[in-house]
Amino acid sequence: MALWIISYHIDFKMDDGTKITRKDMRTIEDEKMDTEDKAKAWLSDRYRNSSDPMVNMNGLLAGIENENLVIDEVILHEFNLEN
């Protein structure tokens, strides 16, 4: 079985010109997720198509001009469920 750990951050540019970066990580445990590219695509799809915030949005609910998702690291942790 494989467990993908993806760390990422989102850079927010606020309408007052300031920039704010928020970091987080997600894990994916899915036997169909067998490549790093698929794990990155999963995260990108979640970012674009989910209404669930990807990072802590405290203090960011108003004034966001634009934002950019950056994937920092993708780690594969393989383990055997039989042991």
N, C-alpha and C. Protein backbone atom coordinates (compact mmCIF):
# COMPACT_ATOMS: atom_id res chain seq x y z
N MET A 1 0.85 -1.18 0.00
CA MET A 1 0.00 0.00 0.00
C MET A 1 0.89 1.23 0.00
N ALA A 2 0.40 2.29 -0.58
CA ALA A 2 1.17 3.53 -0.67
C ALA A 2 0.43 4.67 0.01
N LEU A 3 1.18 5.49 0.66
CA LEU A 3 0.65 6.70 1.28
C LEU A 3 1.46 7.87 0.73
N TRP A 4 0.79 8.78 0.07
CA TRP A 4 1.44 9.97 -0.47
C TRP A 4 1.25 11.11 0.52
N ILE A 5 2.32 11.81 0.80
CA ILE A 5 2.28 12.98 1.67
C ILE A 5 2.70 14.18 0.82
N ILE A 6 1.80 15.14 0.70
CA ILE A 6 2.07 16.30 -0.16
C ILE A 6 2.07 17.56 0.70
N SER A 7 3.19 18.24 0.71
CA SER A 7 3.23 19.54 1.39
C SER A 7 3.15 20.63 0.32
N TYR A 8 2.43 21.69 0.63
CA TYR A 8 2.19 22.74 -0.34
C TYR A 8 1.95 24.06 0.39
N HIS A 9 1.96 25.11 -0.38
CA HIS A 9 1.56 26.40 0.17
C HIS A 9 0.77 27.16 -0.88
N ILE A 10 0.01 28.12 -0.40
CA ILE A 10 -0.73 29.00 -1.29
C ILE A 10 -0.28 30.41 -1.01
N ASP A 11 0.16 31.09 -2.07
CA ASP A 11 0.55 32.50 -1.98
C ASP A 11 -0.67 33.34 -2.33
N PHE A 12 -1.06 34.21 -1.42
CA PHE A 12 -2.19 35.10 -1.63
C PHE A 12 -1.66 36.51 -1.86
N LYS A 13 -2.16 37.15 -2.90
CA LYS A 13 -1.89 38.57 -3.10
C LYS A 13 -3.17 39.31 -2.73
N MET A 14 -3.05 40.18 -1.76
CA MET A 14 -4.22 40.89 -1.25
C MET A 14 -4.44 42.17 -2.04
N ASP A 15 -5.66 42.68 -2.00
CA ASP A 15 -5.97 43.88 -2.78
C ASP A 15 -5.27 45.14 -2.26
N ASP A 16 -4.67 45.06 -1.06
CA ASP A 16 -3.90 46.20 -0.55
C ASP A 16 -2.41 46.09 -0.91
N GLY A 17 -2.07 45.06 -1.71
CA GLY A 17 -0.69 44.89 -2.16
C GLY A 17 0.14 43.95 -1.31
N THR A 18 -0.34 43.55 -0.15
CA THR A 18 0.43 42.64 0.69
C THR A 18 0.35 41.22 0.16
N LYS A 19 1.34 40.42 0.53
CA LYS A 19 1.37 39.01 0.15
C LYS A 19 1.38 38.17 1.41
N ILE A 20 0.56 37.14 1.40
CA ILE A 20 0.45 36.24 2.55
C ILE A 20 0.61 34.81 2.04
N THR A 21 1.42 34.02 2.76
CA THR A 21 1.62 32.62 2.40
C THR A 21 1.07 31.75 3.52
N ARG A 22 0.28 30.76 3.15
CA ARG A 22 -0.24 29.79 4.10
C ARG A 22 0.17 28.40 3.64
N LYS A 23 0.64 27.58 4.59
CA LYS A 23 1.14 26.24 4.29
C LYS A 23 0.23 25.17 4.88
N ASP A 24 0.26 23.99 4.25
CA ASP A 24 -0.48 22.85 4.77
C ASP A 24 0.05 21.59 4.10
N MET A 25 -0.54 20.46 4.45
CA MET A 25 -0.17 19.20 3.81
C MET A 25 -1.39 18.30 3.77
N ARG A 26 -1.39 17.40 2.80
CA ARG A 26 -2.46 16.41 2.64
C ARG A 26 -1.83 15.04 2.49
N THR A 27 -2.58 14.05 2.87
CA THR A 27 -2.15 12.67 2.65
C THR A 27 -3.18 11.98 1.78
N ILE A 28 -2.69 11.08 0.95
CA ILE A 28 -3.55 10.30 0.06
C ILE A 28 -3.20 8.84 0.26
N GLU A 29 -4.19 8.06 0.63
CA GLU A 29 -4.00 6.62 0.75
C GLU A 29 -4.98 5.97 -0.22
N ASP A 30 -4.47 5.66 -1.41
CA ASP A 30 -5.31 5.12 -2.48
C ASP A 30 -4.44 4.24 -3.36
N GLU A 31 -4.84 3.00 -3.52
CA GLU A 31 -4.03 2.07 -4.32
C GLU A 31 -3.96 2.47 -5.79
N LYS A 32 -4.91 3.27 -6.26
CA LYS A 32 -4.89 3.73 -7.65
C LYS A 32 -3.91 4.89 -7.86
N MET A 33 -3.49 5.49 -6.78
CA MET A 33 -2.56 6.62 -6.84
C MET A 33 -1.14 6.04 -6.85
N ASP A 34 -0.65 5.69 -8.03
CA ASP A 34 0.60 4.95 -8.10
C ASP A 34 1.78 5.74 -8.66
N THR A 35 1.59 7.05 -8.92
CA THR A 35 2.71 7.87 -9.38
C THR A 35 2.64 9.25 -8.71
N GLU A 36 3.78 9.89 -8.67
CA GLU A 36 3.84 11.25 -8.11
C GLU A 36 2.99 12.21 -8.93
N ASP A 37 2.99 12.04 -10.25
CA ASP A 37 2.19 12.91 -11.10
C ASP A 37 0.70 12.79 -10.79
N LYS A 38 0.23 11.58 -10.51
CA LYS A 38 -1.18 11.39 -10.15
C LYS A 38 -1.48 12.06 -8.81
N ALA A 39 -0.56 11.98 -7.88
CA ALA A 39 -0.76 12.62 -6.58
C ALA A 39 -0.83 14.14 -6.75
N LYS A 40 0.05 14.70 -7.56
CA LYS A 40 0.02 16.14 -7.82
C LYS A 40 -1.27 16.55 -8.52
N ALA A 41 -1.70 15.74 -9.48
CA ALA A 41 -2.94 16.03 -10.21
C ALA A 41 -4.14 15.99 -9.26
N TRP A 42 -4.12 15.04 -8.33
CA TRP A 42 -5.21 14.94 -7.34
C TRP A 42 -5.28 16.22 -6.51
N LEU A 43 -4.13 16.69 -6.03
CA LEU A 43 -4.11 17.90 -5.22
C LEU A 43 -4.55 19.11 -6.04
N SER A 44 -4.06 19.23 -7.25
CA SER A 44 -4.44 20.35 -8.11
C SER A 44 -5.93 20.35 -8.40
N ASP A 45 -6.50 19.17 -8.65
CA ASP A 45 -7.93 19.06 -8.89
C ASP A 45 -8.72 19.47 -7.65
N ARG A 46 -8.27 19.03 -6.50
CA ARG A 46 -8.93 19.39 -5.23
C ARG A 46 -8.88 20.90 -5.03
N TYR A 47 -7.76 21.50 -5.35
CA TYR A 47 -7.60 22.96 -5.21
C TYR A 47 -8.58 23.70 -6.13
N ARG A 48 -8.69 23.25 -7.37
CA ARG A 48 -9.54 23.94 -8.34
C ARG A 48 -11.03 23.66 -8.14
N ASN A 49 -11.39 22.46 -7.72
CA ASN A 49 -12.79 22.05 -7.79
C ASN A 49 -13.48 21.78 -6.45
N SER A 50 -12.82 22.04 -5.35
CA SER A 50 -13.43 21.78 -4.05
C SER A 50 -13.77 23.10 -3.37
N SER A 51 -14.86 23.10 -2.64
CA SER A 51 -15.22 24.30 -1.87
C SER A 51 -14.57 24.26 -0.49
N ASP A 52 -13.90 23.16 -0.16
CA ASP A 52 -13.20 23.01 1.11
C ASP A 52 -11.88 23.79 1.05
N PRO A 53 -11.64 24.72 2.00
CA PRO A 53 -10.39 25.47 1.95
C PRO A 53 -9.17 24.56 2.11
N MET A 54 -8.13 24.83 1.38
CA MET A 54 -6.91 24.02 1.39
C MET A 54 -5.95 24.45 2.49
N VAL A 55 -6.13 25.66 3.01
CA VAL A 55 -5.28 26.19 4.08
C VAL A 55 -6.16 26.94 5.07
N ASN A 56 -5.58 27.31 6.20
CA ASN A 56 -6.28 28.11 7.20
C ASN A 56 -6.60 29.48 6.60
N MET A 57 -7.87 29.81 6.53
CA MET A 57 -8.29 31.06 5.89
C MET A 57 -8.56 32.18 6.89
N ASN A 58 -8.23 31.99 8.16
CA ASN A 58 -8.46 33.04 9.15
C ASN A 58 -7.81 34.34 8.71
N GLY A 59 -8.58 35.39 8.67
CA GLY A 59 -8.08 36.70 8.28
C GLY A 59 -7.96 36.92 6.79
N LEU A 60 -8.38 35.94 5.98
CA LEU A 60 -8.24 36.05 4.52
C LEU A 60 -9.57 36.02 3.78
N LEU A 61 -10.65 36.19 4.46
CA LEU A 61 -11.94 36.02 3.81
C LEU A 61 -12.31 37.18 2.89
N ALA A 62 -11.66 38.30 3.03
CA ALA A 62 -11.94 39.44 2.16
C ALA A 62 -10.62 40.03 1.68
N GLY A 63 -10.65 40.57 0.49
CA GLY A 63 -9.49 41.29 -0.02
C GLY A 63 -8.48 40.47 -0.79
N ILE A 64 -8.80 39.23 -1.16
CA ILE A 64 -7.87 38.42 -1.94
C ILE A 64 -7.99 38.83 -3.40
N GLU A 65 -6.88 39.28 -3.96
CA GLU A 65 -6.85 39.65 -5.38
C GLU A 65 -6.61 38.42 -6.25
N ASN A 66 -5.61 37.61 -5.86
CA ASN A 66 -5.37 36.34 -6.54
C ASN A 66 -4.59 35.42 -5.63
N GLU A 67 -4.50 34.17 -6.04
CA GLU A 67 -3.79 33.18 -5.24
C GLU A 67 -3.14 32.16 -6.17
N ASN A 68 -2.10 31.51 -5.65
CA ASN A 68 -1.33 30.56 -6.44
C ASN A 68 -0.94 29.37 -5.57
N LEU A 69 -1.31 28.17 -6.01
CA LEU A 69 -0.95 26.93 -5.32
C LEU A 69 0.45 26.51 -5.75
N VAL A 70 1.30 26.20 -4.77
CA VAL A 70 2.66 25.71 -5.05
C VAL A 70 2.85 24.40 -4.29
N ILE A 71 3.17 23.33 -5.01
CA ILE A 71 3.46 22.05 -4.37
C ILE A 71 4.93 22.04 -4.00
N ASP A 72 5.22 21.91 -2.72
CA ASP A 72 6.59 21.98 -2.23
C ASP A 72 7.29 20.63 -2.28
N GLU A 73 6.59 19.57 -1.85
CA GLU A 73 7.24 18.27 -1.75
C GLU A 73 6.18 17.17 -1.81
N VAL A 74 6.54 16.08 -2.48
CA VAL A 74 5.68 14.90 -2.54
C VAL A 74 6.52 13.72 -2.05
N ILE A 75 6.04 13.07 -1.00
CA ILE A 75 6.77 11.95 -0.40
C ILE A 75 5.91 10.70 -0.52
N LEU A 76 6.53 9.62 -0.95
CA LEU A 76 5.85 8.34 -1.02
C LEU A 76 6.30 7.51 0.15
N HIS A 77 5.33 7.03 0.92
CA HIS A 77 5.62 6.12 2.03
C HIS A 77 4.91 4.81 1.71
N GLU A 78 5.68 3.78 1.45
CA GLU A 78 5.12 2.47 1.13
C GLU A 78 5.16 1.59 2.36
N PHE A 79 4.12 0.83 2.55
CA PHE A 79 4.09 -0.09 3.68
C PHE A 79 3.30 -1.34 3.29
N ASN A 80 3.55 -2.39 4.02
CA ASN A 80 2.93 -3.66 3.75
C ASN A 80 1.89 -3.93 4.85
N LEU A 81 0.64 -4.07 4.45
CA LEU A 81 -0.43 -4.28 5.43
C LEU A 81 -0.41 -5.67 6.04
N GLU A 82 0.30 -6.59 5.44
CA GLU A 82 0.35 -7.95 5.94
C GLU A 82 1.24 -8.09 7.17
N ASN A 83 2.16 -7.17 7.38
CA ASN A 83 3.09 -7.23 8.52
C ASN A 83 2.59 -6.48 9.71
